[in-house]
Protein backbone atom coordinates (compact mmCIF):
# COMPACT_ATOMS: atom_id res chain seq x y z
CA MET A 1 64.30 50.18 -10.94
CA ALA A 2 66.20 49.41 -7.85
CA ALA A 3 64.13 47.29 -5.27
CA LEU A 4 64.09 49.46 -1.78
CA ILE A 5 66.02 47.69 1.76
CA LEU A 6 63.41 47.53 4.14
CA ALA A 7 65.51 48.01 8.44
CA VAL A 8 64.56 45.52 10.41
CA LEU A 9 63.49 47.02 13.68
CA THR A 10 63.67 44.87 16.70
CA LEU A 11 60.23 44.53 19.24
CA THR A 12 60.37 43.07 21.84
CA SER A 13 57.58 42.80 25.25
CA THR A 14 58.82 41.73 28.96
CA SER A 15 54.81 40.31 29.16
CA PHE A 16 55.92 37.46 26.71
CA SER A 17 58.05 36.22 24.26
CA HIS A 18 58.20 35.62 20.30
CA ASN A 19 55.55 32.94 19.35
CA GLY A 20 54.90 33.01 23.34
CA MET A 21 52.28 32.95 25.03
CA ILE A 22 50.56 36.24 26.10
CA PRO A 23 49.24 36.30 30.37
CA ASN A 24 45.61 36.86 31.07
CA ARG A 25 46.60 40.04 32.13
CA TYR A 26 46.84 41.80 28.81
CA THR A 27 43.79 39.53 27.64
CA CYS A 28 39.43 40.51 28.41
CA ASP A 29 39.60 37.13 30.68
CA GLY A 30 42.46 39.91 33.18
CA LYS A 31 42.35 42.93 33.04
CA ASP A 32 42.69 43.98 29.60
CA ILE A 33 45.64 46.67 29.95
CA SER A 34 48.26 46.73 27.39
CA PRO A 35 51.91 44.42 27.51
CA ALA A 36 55.36 46.48 28.42
CA LEU A 37 56.83 46.94 24.55
CA ASN A 38 60.35 48.81 23.64
CA TRP A 39 61.75 48.40 19.99
CA SER A 40 64.95 50.07 18.73
CA ASP A 41 67.20 49.59 15.29
CA ILE A 42 64.78 52.42 13.56
CA PRO A 43 66.30 53.77 10.76
CA GLU A 44 68.00 57.02 10.13
CA GLY A 45 65.77 59.00 8.20
CA ALA A 46 62.57 57.83 10.51
CA LYS A 47 59.93 60.07 10.55
CA SER A 48 57.12 58.35 12.69
CA LEU A 49 56.82 55.40 13.45
CA VAL A 50 53.21 52.71 13.49
CA PHE A 51 52.06 50.70 15.57
CA ILE A 52 49.29 47.32 14.96
CA ILE A 53 47.93 44.41 16.83
CA ASP A 54 46.03 42.20 14.70
CA ASP A 55 44.88 38.04 14.79
CA PRO A 56 44.63 36.92 11.08
CA ASP A 57 43.02 34.26 13.01
CA ALA A 58 39.57 35.09 13.82
CA PRO A 59 37.30 33.96 14.05
CA ASP A 60 38.39 30.15 14.09
CA PRO A 61 42.45 29.34 13.57
CA ALA A 62 40.43 26.67 12.17
CA ALA A 63 39.25 28.72 9.44
CA PRO A 64 40.27 31.79 9.80
CA LYS A 65 37.84 34.00 7.87
CA MET A 66 39.59 37.59 9.09
CA THR A 67 41.35 39.86 10.67
CA TRP A 68 41.11 40.79 13.94
CA VAL A 69 42.72 44.47 14.27
CA HIS A 70 43.77 45.14 18.35
CA TRP A 71 45.43 48.00 18.14
CA VAL A 72 46.54 50.98 16.06
CA LEU A 73 48.80 53.56 17.20
CA TYR A 74 50.49 56.59 14.33
CA ASN A 75 52.31 59.02 14.06
CA ILE A 76 54.48 57.49 17.05
CA PRO A 77 57.93 60.00 18.08
CA PRO A 78 60.52 57.77 16.63
CA ASN A 79 62.98 58.78 19.57
CA ALA A 80 59.89 57.01 21.85
CA ASN A 81 61.45 54.05 22.11
CA GLY A 82 58.63 51.83 23.56
CA LEU A 83 54.68 52.12 25.63
CA VAL A 84 54.37 51.10 29.47
CA GLU A 85 51.99 48.48 30.39
CA GLY A 86 49.37 49.68 30.45
CA ILE A 87 49.66 52.85 29.03
CA SER A 88 46.90 55.08 28.58
CA GLU A 89 46.01 57.44 26.04
CA LYS A 90 47.29 60.78 27.52
CA ASN A 91 50.73 58.66 28.16
CA LEU A 92 51.62 58.19 24.00
CA PRO A 93 54.89 59.63 23.63
CA PRO A 94 53.34 63.01 22.31
CA GLY A 95 52.18 63.63 18.94
CA THR A 96 51.04 60.26 19.08
CA LEU A 97 46.98 58.93 17.06
CA GLN A 98 45.61 56.42 17.52
CA GLY A 99 42.95 54.27 14.36
CA MET A 100 40.29 52.45 15.53
CA ASN A 101 40.23 48.86 16.24
CA ASP A 102 37.15 46.53 15.09
CA TRP A 103 35.79 46.93 18.72
CA LYS A 104 35.22 50.30 16.60
CA ARG A 105 37.12 51.78 19.23
CA THR A 106 40.30 53.74 19.26
CA GLY A 107 42.67 52.00 21.95
CA TYR A 108 43.82 48.49 22.93
CA GLY A 109 41.46 45.90 23.25
CA GLY A 110 43.45 42.58 24.55
CA PRO A 111 43.03 38.75 23.34
CA CYS A 112 39.96 37.32 24.03
CA PRO A 113 39.00 34.30 21.08
CA PRO A 114 35.77 32.37 20.72
CA ILE A 115 37.97 29.72 19.77
CA GLY A 116 41.17 27.93 19.29
CA ASN A 117 45.21 28.81 19.82
CA HIS A 118 44.87 32.69 17.61
CA ARG A 119 48.25 34.65 17.37
CA TYR A 120 48.54 38.19 18.10
CA PHE A 121 50.68 40.07 15.52
CA HIS A 122 52.52 42.97 16.99
CA LYS A 123 54.00 44.99 14.05
CA LEU A 124 56.23 48.13 14.09
CA TYR A 125 56.64 50.18 11.09
CA ALA A 126 59.42 52.97 10.69
CA LEU A 127 57.93 55.42 8.20
CA ASP A 128 59.80 58.34 5.66
CA THR A 129 57.06 60.66 6.74
CA VAL A 130 54.95 62.32 9.84
CA LEU A 131 51.34 60.99 8.29
CA PRO A 132 47.95 63.90 8.32
CA ASP A 133 45.40 63.40 10.67
CA LEU A 134 43.63 60.86 9.26
CA GLN A 135 40.86 61.22 12.02
CA HIS A 136 41.29 57.47 14.06
CA PRO A 137 41.51 56.04 11.30
CA SER A 138 40.81 51.98 10.23
CA LYS A 139 43.81 49.97 9.83
CA ALA A 140 42.88 49.57 6.43
CA ALA A 141 42.83 53.58 5.79
CA LEU A 142 46.73 53.83 7.81
CA GLU A 143 47.66 51.18 5.66
CA GLN A 144 47.18 52.93 2.51
CA ALA A 145 48.31 56.73 3.99
CA MET A 146 51.84 53.79 4.71
CA GLN A 147 51.83 52.72 1.01
CA ASN A 148 56.10 53.91 0.30
CA HIS A 149 56.22 55.36 2.65
CA ILE A 150 57.72 52.38 4.86
CA ILE A 151 61.16 52.41 5.47
CA GLY A 152 61.38 49.53 8.07
CA LYS A 153 59.69 47.01 10.18
CA GLY A 154 59.64 44.39 12.64
CA GLU A 155 57.61 41.94 14.45
CA LEU A 156 56.86 39.76 17.31
CA ILE A 157 54.10 37.07 17.59
CA GLY A 158 52.29 35.89 20.98
CA ARG A 159 49.84 33.48 21.13
CA TYR A 160 46.33 33.20 23.56
CA GLN A 161 43.53 30.11 24.22
CA ARG A 162 40.88 31.25 26.39
CA PRO A 163 40.10 28.58 29.76
CA PHE A 164 37.55 27.35 28.70
C-alpha cells in the first residue's frame, strides 16, 4: 500500500511571524480578536478546509497536562485565501462552520496562559470532502470526522507569555 503524500499548505500571518510572539491585541490581555491569517498552496481536489488553534503547553509549559483549544473552524471553502483580523462569525467565508473551543463556546479565544511562555499552533488542513454539519463539534470529534480525508496540512506557531 502506497503512503499518502500530504500537500504542504502555506499558512502565514501579518500579525506575527512563525515562532514569533503574538501581539497583546490578539490575547486576553488586549482586544482578544483573531489575528489576520493567509494561506496558499491548497491542493487540487480540496473540497474544504479546517482551521484549528490549540496550545499543547497548558497549563504550564514546564509540566503540560493538556492541549487547550482556542478556535475550531471547518468546511471553509477551498477558494478562501485567509481570514481578516478580528473576523466575526457573520463574516466567515460562506459555508464555514464552527466547533467548540475549551471555553465551551464557538469563536476565537485568544492566548491567556496562567504561567510561562506558551506555543499556539495554528493548523490548516485541506480535506477531500465537505463534512456534514457536526453541530459545534469538539476538536476531537472534528479530528475523528477528518480521518482519511486530509490531503494537505500547514502550520504556523505563535508564542505568548502574559506580562504579569
